[in-house]
């Protein structure tokens, strides 16, 4: 009886993805225990977040492809309405208006758009697959720009960039012209002075800190300096679990969230970092294989967009912690403490599983 129940629950779960995700989640709890100063309460709270996120992943994995396509437009519209609501009645925390207080919980609608935007674009391109024209790419670009601008105005540079990148991946996979990409890149470079003047002071400071963290070692450059010290002090084999000095002596800020990779690097060293990167690469590779074998354009674009967005999370967080990219507040997938981003990521993993296990035979 138990075996039958387990078989039913797991029938739409991709075994390879499930194993990789489980390993990463366990590693996340172990490093969180160390980063939080052996706080059982913190780990228990994250375990609760994982339970909720896994339940949502299971639900997503059990949604058939045609139902996924049918909810793309409503989900996008709901996301836009919630972003507008944030502008009007959003809760302000630490100078940023990003949250909606529902009474029983706080929600961050911008997280929803990380999934809603690629789903919407995948549905749109699938609908016009037979007559795809340049005008369709213009419309798709507008569909990306609207939520990106709303999120950037909160201000939330990190999330707005992730949503923009998620949309770009779908545009690229749908066949966006290389000439247009090059032309857009040239225009983007030419527009940098205008973008610089439009940035908030703290955003400009982050860019300047990236170029020279030592110009403000106790202020804006503190995060970058301490994280690189922690990473470098780990050496090849690391100092060992629970033996990190930068985190345990509280030199390293945000050590349970955005900078948890620095704790991992200090305690497990270069070898541990390589193992972690390999696990992430296997997750991304599995997602791209699912995308390549997907039966419809909608499924291919959605799976590719979700997989490459996961890659962007990893790349930006590790680059940020290593001092190669500005500090933009992007968590390390499945490792950093937090519930909202974890739910979004595992929902995306669930979509990959749905695409993998709900494939239909296409008549030839």
Protein backbone atom coordinates (compact mmCIF):
# COMPACT_ATOMS: atom_id res chain seq x y z
CA UNK A 1 0.00 0.00 0.00
CA UNK A 2 2.76 2.42 0.95
CA UNK A 3 4.67 1.61 -2.23
CA UNK A 4 1.56 2.29 -4.27
CA UNK A 5 1.06 5.68 -2.61
CA UNK A 6 4.71 6.63 -3.15
CA UNK A 7 4.50 5.53 -6.78
CA UNK A 8 1.41 7.69 -7.27
CA UNK A 9 2.98 10.73 -5.64
CA UNK A 10 6.16 10.37 -7.67
CA UNK A 11 4.70 9.51 -11.07
CA UNK A 12 5.18 13.04 -12.42
CA UNK A 13 8.50 13.76 -10.68
CA UNK A 14 11.67 13.56 -12.74
CA UNK A 15 13.99 11.27 -10.77
CA UNK A 16 17.25 12.91 -11.84
CA UNK A 17 16.05 16.42 -11.04
CA UNK A 18 14.57 15.26 -7.74
CA UNK A 19 17.85 13.68 -6.62
CA UNK A 20 19.89 16.77 -7.56
CA UNK A 21 17.44 19.17 -5.93
CA UNK A 22 17.32 17.06 -2.75
CA UNK A 23 21.12 17.03 -2.46
CA UNK A 24 21.28 20.81 -2.88
CA UNK A 25 18.51 21.40 -0.32
CA UNK A 26 20.26 19.21 2.26
CA UNK A 27 23.55 21.01 1.60
CA UNK A 28 21.70 24.29 2.04
CA UNK A 29 20.39 23.27 5.46
CA UNK A 30 23.86 22.13 6.57
CA UNK A 31 25.57 25.35 5.56
CA UNK A 32 22.68 27.43 6.96
CA UNK A 33 23.19 25.73 10.34
CA UNK A 34 26.78 26.93 10.31
CA UNK A 35 26.07 30.38 8.84
CA UNK A 36 23.34 31.08 11.41
CA UNK A 37 25.59 30.24 14.35
CA UNK A 38 24.07 26.78 14.89
CA UNK A 39 20.56 28.21 15.14
CA UNK A 40 18.10 25.32 15.21
CA UNK A 41 15.21 27.77 14.91
CA UNK A 42 16.62 29.23 11.68
CA UNK A 43 17.14 25.79 10.17
CA UNK A 44 13.68 24.67 11.26
CA UNK A 45 12.15 27.75 9.63
CA UNK A 46 13.98 26.98 6.39
CA UNK A 47 12.88 23.35 6.59
CA UNK A 48 9.31 24.65 6.75
CA UNK A 49 9.97 26.82 3.69
CA UNK A 50 11.34 23.77 1.89
CA UNK A 51 8.24 21.76 2.76
CA UNK A 52 5.93 24.41 1.30
CA UNK A 53 8.13 24.87 -1.79
CA UNK A 54 8.29 21.10 -2.43
CA UNK A 55 4.51 20.88 -2.18
CA UNK A 56 4.18 23.65 -4.77
CA UNK A 57 6.77 21.92 -6.96
CA UNK A 58 4.73 18.69 -6.79
CA UNK A 59 1.56 20.54 -7.75
CA UNK A 60 3.31 22.20 -10.70
CA UNK A 61 4.73 18.85 -11.82
CA UNK A 62 1.21 17.38 -11.90
CA UNK A 63 -0.29 20.11 -14.11
CA UNK A 64 -0.61 18.87 -17.71
CA UNK A 65 1.02 20.93 -20.46
CA UNK A 66 -2.23 22.20 -21.97
CA UNK A 67 -3.31 23.50 -18.57
CA UNK A 68 0.06 25.22 -18.10
CA UNK A 69 -0.44 27.04 -21.40
CA UNK A 70 -3.99 28.06 -20.47
CA UNK A 71 -2.93 29.75 -17.21
CA UNK A 72 -0.02 31.71 -18.75
CA UNK A 73 -2.05 34.80 -19.68
CA UNK A 74 -4.12 34.96 -16.45
CA UNK A 75 -0.97 34.50 -14.36
CA UNK A 76 0.77 37.35 -16.22
CA UNK A 77 -2.22 39.66 -15.79
CA UNK A 78 -2.53 38.86 -12.08
CA UNK A 79 1.19 39.57 -11.68
CA UNK A 80 0.84 42.99 -13.34
CA UNK A 81 -2.17 43.86 -11.17
CA UNK A 82 -0.23 42.92 -8.04
CA UNK A 83 2.76 45.02 -9.15
CA UNK A 84 0.47 48.01 -9.65
CA UNK A 85 -1.01 47.33 -6.20
CA UNK A 86 2.51 47.43 -4.76
CA UNK A 87 2.98 50.89 -6.31
CA UNK A 88 -0.29 52.10 -4.74
CA UNK A 89 -0.52 50.39 -1.34
CA UNK A 90 2.68 48.39 -1.02
CA UNK A 91 4.50 47.91 2.26
CA UNK A 92 7.79 49.81 2.51
CA UNK A 93 10.69 47.96 4.16
CA UNK A 94 14.21 49.41 4.38
CA UNK A 95 13.40 52.15 1.87
CA UNK A 96 11.99 49.78 -0.76
CA UNK A 97 8.29 49.31 -1.53
CA UNK A 98 8.20 45.68 -2.71
CA UNK A 99 5.67 43.87 -0.54
CA UNK A 100 1.92 43.47 -0.21
CA UNK A 101 0.58 42.84 3.29
CA UNK A 102 -2.34 40.41 3.05
CA UNK A 103 -2.85 40.29 6.80
CA UNK A 104 -1.95 36.62 7.18
CA UNK A 105 1.23 36.89 5.07
CA UNK A 106 3.46 39.22 3.08
CA UNK A 107 3.91 38.53 -0.60
CA UNK A 108 6.43 39.90 -3.09
CA UNK A 109 4.65 40.01 -6.49
CA UNK A 110 7.91 40.61 -8.37
CA UNK A 111 8.92 37.00 -7.58
CA UNK A 112 5.83 35.76 -9.42
CA UNK A 113 6.94 37.56 -12.59
CA UNK A 114 10.13 35.47 -12.79
CA UNK A 115 7.86 32.60 -13.84
CA UNK A 116 4.90 34.53 -15.29
CA UNK A 117 6.99 36.40 -17.89
CA UNK A 118 8.64 33.35 -19.54
CA UNK A 119 5.32 31.48 -19.39
CA UNK A 120 3.53 34.38 -21.06
CA UNK A 121 6.15 34.73 -23.81
CA UNK A 122 6.22 30.97 -24.42
CA UNK A 123 2.41 30.96 -24.77
CA UNK A 124 2.51 34.01 -27.07
CA UNK A 125 5.16 32.59 -29.43
CA UNK A 126 3.46 29.19 -29.46
CA UNK A 127 0.20 30.87 -30.49
CA UNK A 128 1.84 32.62 -33.44
CA UNK A 129 4.33 29.87 -34.31
CA UNK A 130 3.02 29.39 -37.86
CA UNK A 131 3.12 33.11 -38.77
CA UNK A 132 5.93 34.42 -36.57
CA UNK A 133 7.07 37.88 -37.67
CA UNK A 134 9.28 40.70 -36.46
CA UNK A 135 6.22 42.50 -35.06
CA UNK A 136 5.66 39.55 -32.71
CA UNK A 137 9.10 40.09 -31.18
CA UNK A 138 8.24 43.78 -30.68
CA UNK A 139 5.06 42.84 -28.82
CA UNK A 140 6.94 40.25 -26.78
CA UNK A 141 9.56 42.83 -25.84
CA UNK A 142 6.83 45.17 -24.60
CA UNK A 143 5.42 42.31 -22.51
CA UNK A 144 8.83 42.05 -20.83
CA UNK A 145 9.50 45.78 -20.45
CA UNK A 146 6.24 46.59 -18.61
CA UNK A 147 6.85 44.39 -15.52
CA UNK A 148 10.59 45.15 -15.56
CA UNK A 149 9.91 48.89 -15.28
CA UNK A 150 7.33 48.35 -12.52
CA UNK A 151 9.78 46.22 -10.52
CA UNK A 152 12.70 48.61 -11.10
CA UNK A 153 10.63 51.49 -9.72
CA UNK A 154 10.18 49.75 -6.32
CA UNK A 155 13.30 49.90 -6.49
CA UNK A 156 14.49 46.29 -6.94
CA UNK A 157 17.35 46.17 -9.42
CA UNK A 158 18.21 42.51 -8.85
CA UNK A 159 14.72 41.14 -9.46
CA UNK A 160 14.08 43.46 -12.42
CA UNK A 161 17.28 42.19 -14.07
CA UNK A 162 16.29 38.56 -13.47
CA UNK A 163 12.85 39.14 -15.00
CA UNK A 164 14.42 40.95 -17.96
CA UNK A 165 16.93 38.14 -18.48
CA UNK A 166 14.18 35.47 -18.23
CA UNK A 167 12.27 37.29 -20.95
CA UNK A 168 15.39 37.70 -23.09
CA UNK A 169 16.11 33.97 -22.96
CA UNK A 170 12.66 33.16 -24.34
CA UNK A 171 13.06 35.81 -27.06
CA UNK A 172 16.43 34.33 -28.01
CA UNK A 173 15.17 30.74 -28.03
CA UNK A 174 12.20 31.79 -30.14
CA UNK A 175 14.57 32.89 -32.90
CA UNK A 176 15.42 36.52 -32.25
CA UNK A 177 17.70 37.75 -35.05
CA UNK A 178 21.42 38.02 -34.27
CA UNK A 179 21.50 41.30 -36.19
CA UNK A 180 18.84 42.68 -33.88
CA UNK A 181 20.73 41.41 -30.84
CA UNK A 182 23.93 43.11 -31.97
CA UNK A 183 22.05 46.29 -32.81
CA UNK A 184 20.34 46.27 -29.41
CA UNK A 185 23.71 45.78 -27.74
CA UNK A 186 25.15 48.78 -29.58
CA UNK A 187 22.14 50.92 -28.63
CA UNK A 188 22.46 49.72 -25.03
CA UNK A 189 26.12 50.74 -24.88
CA UNK A 190 25.29 54.14 -26.37
CA UNK A 191 22.52 54.60 -23.78
CA UNK A 192 24.78 53.89 -20.78
CA UNK A 193 25.28 57.60 -19.91
CA UNK A 194 21.49 58.08 -19.81
CA UNK A 195 21.02 54.91 -17.78
CA UNK A 196 23.68 56.10 -15.34
CA UNK A 197 21.84 59.37 -14.76
CA UNK A 198 18.55 57.48 -14.26
CA UNK A 199 19.98 55.14 -11.63
CA UNK A 200 19.38 55.64 -7.91
CA UNK A 201 22.33 56.83 -5.82
CA UNK A 202 22.70 53.44 -4.12
CA UNK A 203 22.77 51.71 -7.52
CA UNK A 204 25.54 53.98 -8.82
CA UNK A 205 27.41 53.37 -5.58
CA UNK A 206 27.25 49.61 -6.16
CA UNK A 207 28.84 50.00 -9.58
CA UNK A 208 31.61 52.22 -8.21
CA UNK A 209 32.17 49.77 -5.36
CA UNK A 210 32.58 46.95 -7.86
CA UNK A 211 35.37 48.87 -9.57
CA UNK A 212 37.12 49.73 -6.31
CA UNK A 213 35.73 48.23 -3.07
CA UNK A 214 38.51 49.86 -1.03
CA UNK A 215 37.19 53.34 -1.69
CA UNK A 216 34.67 52.71 1.10
CA UNK A 217 35.92 49.64 3.00
CA UNK A 218 33.62 50.12 6.01
CA UNK A 219 30.58 51.14 3.97
CA UNK A 220 29.53 50.20 0.46
CA UNK A 221 32.61 48.04 -0.14
CA UNK A 222 32.33 46.09 3.11
CA UNK A 223 30.23 43.21 1.72
CA UNK A 224 32.55 42.59 -1.21
CA UNK A 225 35.75 42.83 0.83
CA UNK A 226 34.55 40.46 3.56
CA UNK A 227 33.13 37.91 1.14
CA UNK A 228 36.34 37.74 -0.91
CA UNK A 229 38.37 37.39 2.31
CA UNK A 230 36.14 34.51 3.39
CA UNK A 231 36.36 32.80 0.00
CA UNK A 232 40.13 33.17 -0.19
CA UNK A 233 40.77 32.02 3.37
CA UNK A 234 39.08 28.70 2.63
CA UNK A 235 41.96 27.60 0.42
CA UNK A 236 41.66 24.32 -1.47
CA UNK A 237 40.04 22.10 1.17
CA UNK A 238 38.42 24.70 3.42
CA UNK A 239 38.46 25.16 7.19
CA UNK A 240 35.81 22.53 7.82
CA UNK A 241 32.11 22.65 8.61
CA UNK A 242 31.29 24.99 11.52
CA UNK A 243 34.88 26.32 11.51
CA UNK A 244 34.51 29.42 9.34
CA UNK A 245 35.96 32.45 11.09
CA UNK A 246 34.61 35.27 8.92
CA UNK A 247 31.03 34.14 9.46
CA UNK A 248 31.26 32.95 13.08
CA UNK A 249 33.03 36.12 14.19
CA UNK A 250 30.30 38.08 12.35
CA UNK A 251 32.57 39.88 9.90
CA UNK A 252 30.56 38.57 6.95
CA UNK A 253 27.18 40.32 6.45
CA UNK A 254 24.04 38.62 5.08
CA UNK A 255 25.78 35.29 5.65
CA UNK A 256 22.54 33.28 5.73
CA UNK A 257 21.05 34.81 2.60
CA UNK A 258 22.81 36.53 -0.29
CA UNK A 259 26.36 35.78 0.89
CA UNK A 260 25.94 32.19 2.05
CA UNK A 261 28.22 31.07 -0.80
CA UNK A 262 31.09 32.86 0.96
CA UNK A 263 30.42 30.77 4.07
CA UNK A 264 30.37 27.63 1.95
CA UNK A 265 33.63 28.59 0.22
CA UNK A 266 35.37 29.33 3.51
CA UNK A 267 34.35 26.05 5.14
CA UNK A 268 34.63 23.68 2.14
CA UNK A 269 37.23 25.46 0.04
CA UNK A 270 37.83 25.33 -3.70
CA UNK A 271 37.05 21.60 -3.85
CA UNK A 272 33.65 22.13 -2.22
CA UNK A 273 32.90 25.03 -4.56
CA UNK A 274 33.65 22.84 -7.57
CA UNK A 275 31.31 20.12 -6.29
CA UNK A 276 28.56 22.70 -5.73
CA UNK A 277 29.06 24.18 -9.19
CA UNK A 278 28.94 20.68 -10.71
CA UNK A 279 25.58 20.01 -9.01
CA UNK A 280 24.19 23.28 -10.35
CA UNK A 281 25.49 22.46 -13.84
CA UNK A 282 23.78 19.07 -13.71
CA UNK A 283 20.45 20.71 -12.78
CA UNK A 284 20.80 23.24 -15.61
CA UNK A 285 21.91 20.55 -18.06
CA UNK A 286 18.96 18.35 -17.15
CA UNK A 287 16.62 21.29 -17.69
CA UNK A 288 18.10 21.98 -21.13
CA UNK A 289 17.76 18.30 -22.08
CA UNK A 290 14.09 18.47 -21.09
CA UNK A 291 13.75 21.61 -23.22
CA UNK A 292 15.38 19.93 -26.22
CA UNK A 293 13.00 16.96 -26.00
CA UNK A 294 9.84 18.96 -25.28
CA UNK A 295 6.92 18.19 -27.63
CA UNK A 296 5.67 21.73 -28.32
CA UNK A 297 7.13 25.18 -28.88
CA UNK A 298 5.47 26.39 -25.67
CA UNK A 299 7.12 23.61 -23.66
CA UNK A 300 10.54 24.11 -25.29
CA UNK A 301 10.57 27.86 -24.70
CA UNK A 302 9.30 27.57 -21.13
CA UNK A 303 11.75 24.81 -20.18
CA UNK A 304 14.65 26.65 -21.80
CA UNK A 305 13.71 29.94 -20.14
CA UNK A 306 13.37 28.36 -16.68
CA UNK A 307 16.68 26.45 -17.01
CA UNK A 308 18.66 29.48 -18.18
CA UNK A 309 17.09 31.70 -15.52
CA UNK A 310 18.27 29.18 -12.91
CA UNK A 311 21.74 29.53 -14.45
CA UNK A 312 21.50 33.32 -14.12
CA UNK A 313 20.69 33.00 -10.40
CA UNK A 314 23.81 30.91 -9.88
CA UNK A 315 26.07 33.05 -12.06
CA UNK A 316 24.99 36.39 -10.58
CA UNK A 317 25.17 35.25 -6.95
CA UNK A 318 28.60 33.64 -7.30
CA UNK A 319 29.89 36.60 -9.31
CA UNK A 320 28.52 39.00 -6.69
CA UNK A 321 30.08 37.10 -3.77
CA UNK A 322 33.39 36.78 -5.65
CA UNK A 323 33.55 40.52 -6.35
CA UNK A 324 33.10 40.13 -10.12
CA UNK A 325 29.58 41.62 -10.26
CA UNK A 326 27.80 44.39 -8.32
CA UNK A 327 25.89 43.47 -5.18
CA UNK A 328 22.28 43.19 -6.40
CA UNK A 329 20.64 40.95 -3.80
CA UNK A 330 20.25 37.69 -5.73
CA UNK A 331 20.12 34.53 -3.53
CA UNK A 332 22.02 31.32 -4.25
CA UNK A 333 19.39 28.87 -5.57
CA UNK A 334 18.22 26.21 -3.10
CA UNK A 335 20.99 27.18 -0.66
CA UNK A 336 20.23 30.69 0.64
CA UNK A 337 17.75 31.19 3.48
CA UNK A 338 14.37 32.50 2.43
CA UNK A 339 10.94 31.30 1.39
CA UNK A 340 9.81 33.48 -1.51
CA UNK A 341 12.69 32.81 -3.88
CA UNK A 342 12.74 29.12 -2.89
CA UNK A 343 9.06 28.75 -3.81
CA UNK A 344 9.68 30.47 -7.16
CA UNK A 345 12.67 28.27 -7.97
CA UNK A 346 11.01 24.98 -7.04
CA UNK A 347 7.86 26.02 -8.90
CA UNK A 348 10.09 26.41 -11.95
CA UNK A 349 11.62 22.98 -11.30
CA UNK A 350 8.09 21.59 -11.06
CA UNK A 351 7.30 23.07 -14.48
CA UNK A 352 10.33 21.26 -15.89
CA UNK A 353 9.10 18.01 -14.39
CA UNK A 354 5.64 18.56 -15.85
CA UNK A 355 7.12 19.13 -19.30
CA UNK A 356 9.25 15.99 -18.92
CA UNK A 357 6.51 13.67 -17.69
CA UNK A 358 3.49 14.97 -19.65
CA UNK A 359 5.02 14.59 -23.09
CA UNK A 360 2.51 13.55 -25.69
CA UNK A 361 3.17 11.42 -28.75
CA UNK A 362 3.17 13.56 -31.86
CA UNK A 363 1.70 11.73 -34.88
CA UNK A 364 4.01 11.48 -37.88
